[in-house]
Amino acid sequence: MIVESWDTANANVTNEIDLLAGDNPDDTYTWENDILPDPMPELADYTLSITDTTTGDSEFASGTVGIGDPVFQSGTDTGTLTFSPTPEPATTACMLAGIGALLLTKKLRA
């Protein structure tokens, strides 16, 4: 699941987008966010979408959000999305414990 936040001049949008099971963090992704005037004054309709350009899969979230300016124009933002691996806390702790054990072994042998 990806939690996306998009701050525009007229509204702040946050929503969750689930990627499909076949989508891989090493794939290439693009994103597009759109906001359009709603028929109701001071509301806007938004769409947040992420496309896996490697597989062609596309997922999106949409909804309505309140805005401050009842006569705003529509807006679109686009870009690319990349993922960076983050080590699990347990992995980092094991690595530090291993380094400590090596240093202790070296000290005891000296």
N, C-alpha and C. Protein backbone atom coordinates (compact mmCIF):
# COMPACT_ATOMS: atom_id res chain seq x y z
N MET A 1 0.84 -1.16 0.00
CA MET A 1 0.00 0.00 0.00
C MET A 1 0.89 1.24 0.00
N ILE A 2 0.50 2.22 -0.78
CA ILE A 2 1.19 3.49 -0.84
C ILE A 2 0.24 4.55 -0.31
N VAL A 3 0.70 5.35 0.64
CA VAL A 3 -0.08 6.48 1.13
C VAL A 3 0.47 7.71 0.42
N GLU A 4 -0.38 8.34 -0.38
CA GLU A 4 0.05 9.50 -1.15
C GLU A 4 -0.61 10.75 -0.61
N SER A 5 0.20 11.78 -0.43
CA SER A 5 -0.29 13.09 -0.03
C SER A 5 0.04 14.07 -1.15
N TRP A 6 -0.93 14.88 -1.52
CA TRP A 6 -0.76 15.85 -2.59
C TRP A 6 -1.29 17.18 -2.10
N ASP A 7 -0.40 18.16 -2.00
CA ASP A 7 -0.79 19.50 -1.56
C ASP A 7 -0.85 20.41 -2.77
N THR A 8 -2.05 20.91 -3.06
CA THR A 8 -2.22 21.84 -4.16
C THR A 8 -2.45 23.23 -3.58
N ALA A 9 -2.54 24.22 -4.43
CA ALA A 9 -2.80 25.57 -3.96
C ALA A 9 -4.19 25.69 -3.34
N ASN A 10 -5.10 24.78 -3.73
CA ASN A 10 -6.49 24.89 -3.28
C ASN A 10 -6.92 23.80 -2.31
N ALA A 11 -6.21 22.69 -2.26
CA ALA A 11 -6.66 21.57 -1.42
C ALA A 11 -5.48 20.68 -1.07
N ASN A 12 -5.61 19.97 0.04
CA ASN A 12 -4.64 18.96 0.45
C ASN A 12 -5.35 17.61 0.42
N VAL A 13 -4.78 16.67 -0.33
CA VAL A 13 -5.41 15.37 -0.54
C VAL A 13 -4.47 14.28 -0.02
N THR A 14 -5.00 13.33 0.73
CA THR A 14 -4.26 12.15 1.15
C THR A 14 -5.13 10.93 0.93
N ASN A 15 -4.56 9.90 0.29
CA ASN A 15 -5.32 8.70 0.03
C ASN A 15 -4.37 7.51 -0.09
N GLU A 16 -4.92 6.30 0.00
CA GLU A 16 -4.14 5.07 -0.11
C GLU A 16 -4.36 4.43 -1.47
N ILE A 17 -3.26 3.93 -2.05
CA ILE A 17 -3.34 3.23 -3.33
C ILE A 17 -2.64 1.89 -3.14
N ASP A 18 -3.33 0.81 -3.45
CA ASP A 18 -2.75 -0.53 -3.38
C ASP A 18 -2.24 -0.92 -4.75
N LEU A 19 -0.99 -1.39 -4.80
CA LEU A 19 -0.45 -1.90 -6.05
C LEU A 19 -0.86 -3.36 -6.21
N LEU A 20 -0.87 -3.85 -7.43
CA LEU A 20 -1.24 -5.23 -7.70
C LEU A 20 -0.12 -6.17 -7.26
N ALA A 21 -0.44 -7.41 -7.00
CA ALA A 21 0.52 -8.39 -6.50
C ALA A 21 1.70 -8.57 -7.45
N GLY A 22 1.51 -8.44 -8.75
CA GLY A 22 2.58 -8.63 -9.71
C GLY A 22 3.52 -7.44 -9.87
N ASP A 23 3.18 -6.31 -9.24
CA ASP A 23 4.03 -5.13 -9.35
C ASP A 23 5.26 -5.30 -8.47
N ASN A 24 6.42 -5.01 -9.04
CA ASN A 24 7.69 -5.23 -8.39
C ASN A 24 8.34 -3.89 -8.05
N PRO A 25 8.98 -3.75 -6.90
CA PRO A 25 9.65 -2.48 -6.57
C PRO A 25 10.72 -2.06 -7.57
N ASP A 26 11.25 -3.02 -8.34
CA ASP A 26 12.27 -2.69 -9.35
C ASP A 26 11.66 -2.20 -10.66
N ASP A 27 10.34 -2.28 -10.81
CA ASP A 27 9.68 -1.81 -12.03
C ASP A 27 9.76 -0.28 -12.11
N THR A 28 9.42 0.25 -13.27
CA THR A 28 9.37 1.69 -13.48
C THR A 28 7.93 2.16 -13.30
N TYR A 29 7.74 3.22 -12.53
CA TYR A 29 6.40 3.73 -12.23
C TYR A 29 6.29 5.20 -12.59
N THR A 30 5.08 5.60 -12.97
CA THR A 30 4.75 7.02 -13.14
C THR A 30 3.51 7.31 -12.29
N TRP A 31 3.34 8.56 -11.93
CA TRP A 31 2.15 8.95 -11.18
C TRP A 31 1.53 10.18 -11.83
N GLU A 32 0.23 10.30 -11.68
CA GLU A 32 -0.50 11.47 -12.18
C GLU A 32 -1.61 11.80 -11.19
N ASN A 33 -1.69 13.07 -10.83
CA ASN A 33 -2.73 13.55 -9.93
C ASN A 33 -3.52 14.64 -10.65
N ASP A 34 -4.84 14.55 -10.58
CA ASP A 34 -5.72 15.53 -11.21
C ASP A 34 -6.72 16.05 -10.19
N ILE A 35 -7.04 17.34 -10.30
CA ILE A 35 -8.10 17.92 -9.48
C ILE A 35 -8.97 18.78 -10.40
N LEU A 36 -10.27 18.58 -10.32
CA LEU A 36 -11.22 19.26 -11.21
C LEU A 36 -12.34 19.89 -10.39
N PRO A 37 -12.91 20.98 -10.86
CA PRO A 37 -14.06 21.57 -10.14
C PRO A 37 -15.21 20.58 -10.07
N ASP A 38 -15.87 20.53 -8.92
CA ASP A 38 -17.05 19.70 -8.70
C ASP A 38 -18.28 20.56 -9.01
N PRO A 39 -19.41 19.94 -9.40
CA PRO A 39 -20.62 20.74 -9.61
C PRO A 39 -21.06 21.52 -8.36
N MET A 40 -20.71 21.02 -7.19
CA MET A 40 -21.04 21.72 -5.94
C MET A 40 -19.99 22.79 -5.66
N PRO A 41 -20.40 24.02 -5.32
CA PRO A 41 -19.43 25.07 -5.02
C PRO A 41 -18.51 24.66 -3.86
N GLU A 42 -17.28 25.10 -3.95
CA GLU A 42 -16.25 24.89 -2.93
C GLU A 42 -15.89 23.42 -2.72
N LEU A 43 -16.16 22.58 -3.73
CA LEU A 43 -15.71 21.18 -3.71
C LEU A 43 -14.92 20.91 -4.98
N ALA A 44 -14.04 19.92 -4.90
CA ALA A 44 -13.27 19.51 -6.07
C ALA A 44 -13.18 17.99 -6.10
N ASP A 45 -13.15 17.44 -7.29
CA ASP A 45 -12.98 16.00 -7.49
C ASP A 45 -11.51 15.74 -7.82
N TYR A 46 -10.92 14.73 -7.19
CA TYR A 46 -9.52 14.42 -7.44
C TYR A 46 -9.35 12.96 -7.83
N THR A 47 -8.26 12.70 -8.55
CA THR A 47 -7.83 11.35 -8.89
C THR A 47 -6.33 11.28 -8.70
N LEU A 48 -5.88 10.29 -7.95
CA LEU A 48 -4.46 10.01 -7.76
C LEU A 48 -4.20 8.66 -8.41
N SER A 49 -3.29 8.59 -9.37
CA SER A 49 -3.05 7.31 -10.04
C SER A 49 -1.56 7.00 -10.13
N ILE A 50 -1.26 5.70 -10.05
CA ILE A 50 0.11 5.19 -10.20
C ILE A 50 0.07 4.10 -11.26
N THR A 51 0.98 4.20 -12.24
CA THR A 51 1.04 3.23 -13.32
C THR A 51 2.39 2.53 -13.31
N ASP A 52 2.37 1.20 -13.33
CA ASP A 52 3.59 0.40 -13.48
C ASP A 52 3.83 0.31 -14.98
N THR A 53 4.78 1.09 -15.50
CA THR A 53 5.00 1.11 -16.94
C THR A 53 5.68 -0.16 -17.44
N THR A 54 6.24 -0.96 -16.53
CA THR A 54 6.85 -2.23 -16.92
C THR A 54 5.77 -3.25 -17.27
N THR A 55 4.71 -3.32 -16.44
CA THR A 55 3.65 -4.30 -16.66
C THR A 55 2.40 -3.70 -17.29
N GLY A 56 2.26 -2.37 -17.24
CA GLY A 56 1.06 -1.72 -17.75
C GLY A 56 -0.05 -1.62 -16.73
N ASP A 57 0.15 -2.15 -15.51
CA ASP A 57 -0.87 -2.07 -14.46
C ASP A 57 -1.05 -0.63 -14.02
N SER A 58 -2.28 -0.27 -13.68
CA SER A 58 -2.57 1.07 -13.20
C SER A 58 -3.57 0.98 -12.06
N GLU A 59 -3.28 1.66 -10.98
CA GLU A 59 -4.17 1.72 -9.82
C GLU A 59 -4.43 3.17 -9.49
N PHE A 60 -5.62 3.46 -8.94
CA PHE A 60 -5.93 4.84 -8.63
C PHE A 60 -6.85 4.93 -7.41
N ALA A 61 -6.91 6.14 -6.88
CA ALA A 61 -7.86 6.48 -5.81
C ALA A 61 -8.50 7.79 -6.21
N SER A 62 -9.77 7.96 -5.89
CA SER A 62 -10.45 9.20 -6.24
C SER A 62 -11.43 9.59 -5.15
N GLY A 63 -11.85 10.83 -5.18
CA GLY A 63 -12.80 11.31 -4.19
C GLY A 63 -13.10 12.77 -4.38
N THR A 64 -13.71 13.36 -3.37
CA THR A 64 -14.08 14.77 -3.37
C THR A 64 -13.47 15.42 -2.14
N VAL A 65 -13.00 16.64 -2.31
CA VAL A 65 -12.36 17.35 -1.22
C VAL A 65 -12.84 18.80 -1.21
N GLY A 66 -12.93 19.39 -0.03
CA GLY A 66 -13.31 20.79 0.09
C GLY A 66 -12.16 21.69 -0.32
N ILE A 67 -12.48 22.81 -0.95
CA ILE A 67 -11.46 23.77 -1.37
C ILE A 67 -11.83 25.16 -0.87
N GLY A 68 -10.86 26.04 -0.83
CA GLY A 68 -11.11 27.39 -0.34
C GLY A 68 -11.60 28.34 -1.41
N ASP A 69 -11.27 28.09 -2.67
CA ASP A 69 -11.59 29.00 -3.75
C ASP A 69 -12.67 28.39 -4.64
N PRO A 70 -13.89 28.93 -4.62
CA PRO A 70 -14.98 28.31 -5.40
C PRO A 70 -14.84 28.47 -6.91
N VAL A 71 -13.92 29.27 -7.40
CA VAL A 71 -13.78 29.47 -8.85
C VAL A 71 -12.39 29.04 -9.35
N PHE A 72 -11.76 28.07 -8.68
CA PHE A 72 -10.43 27.63 -9.10
C PHE A 72 -10.49 26.89 -10.43
N GLN A 73 -9.33 26.82 -11.08
CA GLN A 73 -9.20 26.06 -12.32
C GLN A 73 -8.67 24.68 -11.99
N SER A 74 -8.81 23.75 -12.90
CA SER A 74 -8.31 22.39 -12.68
C SER A 74 -6.78 22.38 -12.63
N GLY A 75 -6.22 21.28 -12.10
CA GLY A 75 -4.77 21.15 -12.01
C GLY A 75 -4.34 19.72 -12.20
N THR A 76 -3.12 19.54 -12.71
CA THR A 76 -2.54 18.21 -12.91
C THR A 76 -1.06 18.27 -12.54
N ASP A 77 -0.60 17.23 -11.84
CA ASP A 77 0.83 17.04 -11.57
C ASP A 77 1.19 15.64 -12.03
N THR A 78 2.40 15.46 -12.54
CA THR A 78 2.88 14.14 -12.96
C THR A 78 4.34 13.97 -12.54
N GLY A 79 4.79 12.72 -12.53
CA GLY A 79 6.19 12.45 -12.21
C GLY A 79 6.48 10.97 -12.23
N THR A 80 7.70 10.63 -11.82
CA THR A 80 8.11 9.23 -11.73
C THR A 80 8.20 8.84 -10.26
N LEU A 81 8.11 7.56 -10.00
CA LEU A 81 8.10 7.02 -8.64
C LEU A 81 9.13 5.91 -8.57
N THR A 82 10.00 5.97 -7.57
CA THR A 82 10.98 4.91 -7.35
C THR A 82 10.90 4.45 -5.91
N PHE A 83 11.30 3.22 -5.68
CA PHE A 83 11.30 2.64 -4.34
C PHE A 83 12.74 2.41 -3.91
N SER A 84 13.01 2.67 -2.63
CA SER A 84 14.33 2.41 -2.06
C SER A 84 14.18 1.38 -0.95
N PRO A 85 15.05 0.38 -0.95
CA PRO A 85 14.94 -0.63 0.11
C PRO A 85 15.30 -0.02 1.47
N THR A 86 14.55 -0.38 2.47
CA THR A 86 14.80 0.06 3.84
C THR A 86 15.06 -1.18 4.67
N PRO A 87 16.24 -1.26 5.31
CA PRO A 87 16.50 -2.46 6.11
C PRO A 87 15.54 -2.57 7.28
N GLU A 88 15.15 -3.78 7.57
CA GLU A 88 14.28 -4.03 8.72
C GLU A 88 15.06 -3.75 10.00
N PRO A 89 14.40 -3.26 11.05
CA PRO A 89 15.11 -2.98 12.30
C PRO A 89 15.85 -4.21 12.85
N ALA A 90 15.27 -5.39 12.71
CA ALA A 90 15.91 -6.61 13.22
C ALA A 90 17.21 -6.88 12.45
N THR A 91 17.22 -6.61 11.15
CA THR A 91 18.41 -6.82 10.34
C THR A 91 19.53 -5.89 10.80
N THR A 92 19.20 -4.64 11.04
CA THR A 92 20.19 -3.67 11.50
C THR A 92 20.72 -4.07 12.88
N ALA A 93 19.84 -4.49 13.77
CA ALA A 93 20.27 -4.90 15.12
C ALA A 93 21.20 -6.12 15.05
N CYS A 94 20.89 -7.08 14.20
CA CYS A 94 21.75 -8.27 14.05
C CYS A 94 23.11 -7.89 13.49
N MET A 95 23.13 -6.96 12.54
CA MET A 95 24.39 -6.53 11.96
C MET A 95 25.26 -5.85 13.03
N LEU A 96 24.66 -4.96 13.82
CA LEU A 96 25.41 -4.28 14.88
C LEU A 96 25.89 -5.27 15.94
N ALA A 97 25.06 -6.24 16.28
CA ALA A 97 25.47 -7.26 17.26
C ALA A 97 26.65 -8.07 16.71
N GLY A 98 26.63 -8.39 15.44
CA GLY A 98 27.71 -9.14 14.81
C GLY A 98 29.01 -8.35 14.82
N ILE A 99 28.93 -7.08 14.52
CA ILE A 99 30.14 -6.23 14.55
C ILE A 99 30.68 -6.15 15.98
N GLY A 100 29.78 -5.99 16.95
CA GLY A 100 30.20 -5.96 18.36
C GLY A 100 30.87 -7.26 18.77
N ALA A 101 30.33 -8.39 18.32
CA ALA A 101 30.92 -9.70 18.66
C ALA A 101 32.31 -9.83 18.05
N LEU A 102 32.49 -9.35 16.83
CA LEU A 102 33.81 -9.40 16.19
C LEU A 102 34.82 -8.54 16.95
N LEU A 103 34.39 -7.35 17.36
CA LEU A 103 35.30 -6.47 18.11
C LEU A 103 35.65 -7.10 19.46
N LEU A 104 34.68 -7.69 20.13
CA LEU A 104 34.93 -8.34 21.42
C LEU A 104 35.89 -9.51 21.26
N THR A 105 35.69 -10.32 20.20
CA THR A 105 36.57 -11.46 19.95
C THR A 105 38.00 -10.97 19.70
N LYS A 106 38.14 -9.90 18.93
CA LYS A 106 39.47 -9.34 18.64
C LYS A 106 40.14 -8.86 19.94
N LYS A 107 39.36 -8.21 20.81
CA LYS A 107 39.91 -7.69 22.07
C LYS A 107 40.32 -8.83 22.99
N LEU A 108 39.52 -9.90 23.04
CA LEU A 108 39.83 -11.02 23.93
C LEU A 108 41.08 -11.78 23.46
N ARG A 109 41.32 -11.82 22.16
CA ARG A 109 42.49 -12.51 21.62
C ARG A 109 43.77 -11.71 21.81
N ALA A 110 43.65 -10.41 21.99
CA ALA A 110 44.84 -9.57 22.11
C ALA A 110 45.49 -9.64 23.45
